Amino acid sequence: MVKFLLWCVLLALCWPLALLALVVYPFVWLVLLPFRVMGIAVGGALVLVWAIVTWPARLLRGF
């Protein structure tokens, strides 16, 4: 909602720039998509490593 309101303000102040942003935004989103997927994969790998490292402590705490 905030993005839309900011775009409306930009449209009121400088409509050519707002229309350019409207056209360019999907392409920027597509270019950044692989980085988001990579971030999700790296985050999952770090959670897995953290679970493996803390597993012995969780086993000892259970007794």
C-alpha atoms as a PDB file:
ATOM      1  CA  MET A   1       0.000   0.000   0.000  1.00  0.00           C
ATOM      2  CA  VAL A   2       2.875   2.349   0.844  1.00  0.00           C
ATOM      3  CA  LYS A   3       4.488   1.686  -2.528  1.00  0.00           C
ATOM      4  CA  PHE A   4       1.239   2.559  -4.269  1.00  0.00           C
ATOM      5  CA  LEU A   5       0.855   5.796  -2.308  1.00  0.00           C
ATOM      6  CA  LEU A   6       4.443   6.775  -3.082  1.00  0.00           C
ATOM      7  CA  TRP A   7       3.799   6.034  -6.739  1.00  0.00           C
ATOM      8  CA  CYS A   8       0.695   8.241  -6.655  1.00  0.00           C
ATOM      9  CA  VAL A   9       2.755  11.081  -5.187  1.00  0.00           C
ATOM     10  CA  LEU A  10       5.365  10.558  -7.892  1.00  0.00           C
ATOM     11  CA  LEU A  11       2.606  10.544 -10.498  1.00  0.00           C
ATOM     12  CA  ALA A  12       1.342  13.884  -9.222  1.00  0.00           C
ATOM     13  CA  LEU A  13       4.820  15.427  -9.144  1.00  0.00           C
ATOM     14  CA  CYS A  14       6.423  13.963 -12.255  1.00  0.00           C
ATOM     15  CA  TRP A  15       4.161  11.752 -14.351  1.00  0.00           C
ATOM     16  CA  PRO A  16       6.773  10.688 -16.983  1.00  0.00           C
ATOM     17  CA  LEU A  17       9.036   9.328 -14.262  1.00  0.00           C
ATOM     18  CA  ALA A  18       6.102   7.534 -12.622  1.00  0.00           C
ATOM     19  CA  LEU A  19       5.134   5.879 -15.912  1.00  0.00           C
ATOM     20  CA  LEU A  20       8.765   4.880 -16.516  1.00  0.00           C
ATOM     21  CA  ALA A  21       8.888   3.342 -13.033  1.00  0.00           C
ATOM     22  CA  LEU A  22       5.679   1.465 -13.781  1.00  0.00           C
ATOM     23  CA  VAL A  23       7.217  -0.045 -16.929  1.00  0.00           C
ATOM     24  CA  VAL A  24      10.678  -0.784 -15.481  1.00  0.00           C
ATOM     25  CA  TYR A  25       9.551  -2.287 -12.141  1.00  0.00           C
ATOM     26  CA  PRO A  26       8.619  -5.771 -13.511  1.00  0.00           C
ATOM     27  CA  PHE A  27      11.977  -6.090 -15.248  1.00  0.00           C
ATOM     28  CA  VAL A  28      13.861  -5.133 -12.093  1.00  0.00           C
ATOM     29  CA  TRP A  29      11.783  -7.681 -10.163  1.00  0.00           C
ATOM     30  CA  LEU A  30      12.713 -10.396 -12.675  1.00  0.00           C
ATOM     31  CA  VAL A  31      16.412  -9.519 -12.500  1.00  0.00           C
ATOM     32  CA  LEU A  32      16.399  -9.656  -8.681  1.00  0.00           C
ATOM     33  CA  LEU A  33      14.426 -12.920  -8.488  1.00  0.00           C
ATOM     34  CA  PRO A  34      17.476 -15.255  -8.665  1.00  0.00           C
ATOM     35  CA  PHE A  35      19.071 -13.387  -5.755  1.00  0.00           C
ATOM     36  CA  ARG A  36      15.946 -13.935  -3.643  1.00  0.00           C
ATOM     37  CA  VAL A  37      15.972 -17.651  -4.452  1.00  0.00           C
ATOM     38  CA  MET A  38      19.665 -17.829  -3.590  1.00  0.00           C
ATOM     39  CA  GLY A  39      18.998 -16.030  -0.303  1.00  0.00           C
ATOM     40  CA  ILE A  40      16.302 -18.543   0.607  1.00  0.00           C
ATOM     41  CA  ALA A  41      18.648 -21.444  -0.223  1.00  0.00           C
ATOM     42  CA  VAL A  42      21.546 -19.987   1.781  1.00  0.00           C
ATOM     43  CA  GLY A  43      19.243 -19.272   4.720  1.00  0.00           C
ATOM     44  CA  GLY A  44      17.996 -22.865   4.671  1.00  0.00           C
ATOM     45  CA  ALA A  45      21.561 -24.203   4.527  1.00  0.00           C
ATOM     46  CA  LEU A  46      22.577 -22.054   7.503  1.00  0.00           C
ATOM     47  CA  VAL A  47      19.577 -23.266   9.511  1.00  0.00           C
ATOM     48  CA  LEU A  48      20.564 -26.849   8.701  1.00  0.00           C
ATOM     49  CA  VAL A  49      24.178 -26.256   9.813  1.00  0.00           C
ATOM     50  CA  TRP A  50      22.947 -24.599  13.017  1.00  0.00           C
ATOM     51  CA  ALA A  51      20.674 -27.578  13.736  1.00  0.00           C
ATOM     52  CA  ILE A  52      23.561 -30.017  13.211  1.00  0.00           C
ATOM     53  CA  VAL A  53      25.912 -28.015  15.448  1.00  0.00           C
ATOM     54  CA  THR A  54      23.403 -27.657  18.293  1.00  0.00           C
ATOM     55  CA  TRP A  55      22.096 -31.230  18.079  1.00  0.00           C
ATOM     56  CA  PRO A  56      24.461 -32.697  20.737  1.00  0.00           C
ATOM     57  CA  ALA A  57      23.551 -29.949  23.202  1.00  0.00           C
ATOM     58  CA  ARG A  58      19.854 -30.598  22.655  1.00  0.00           C
ATOM     59  CA  LEU A  59      20.394 -34.321  23.209  1.00  0.00           C
ATOM     60  CA  LEU A  60      22.262 -33.716  26.482  1.00  0.00           C
ATOM     61  CA  ARG A  61      19.668 -31.224  27.682  1.00  0.00           C
ATOM     62  CA  GLY A  62      16.926 -33.775  27.090  1.00  0.00           C
ATOM     63  CA  PHE A  63      18.311 -36.128  29.758  1.00  0.00           C
END
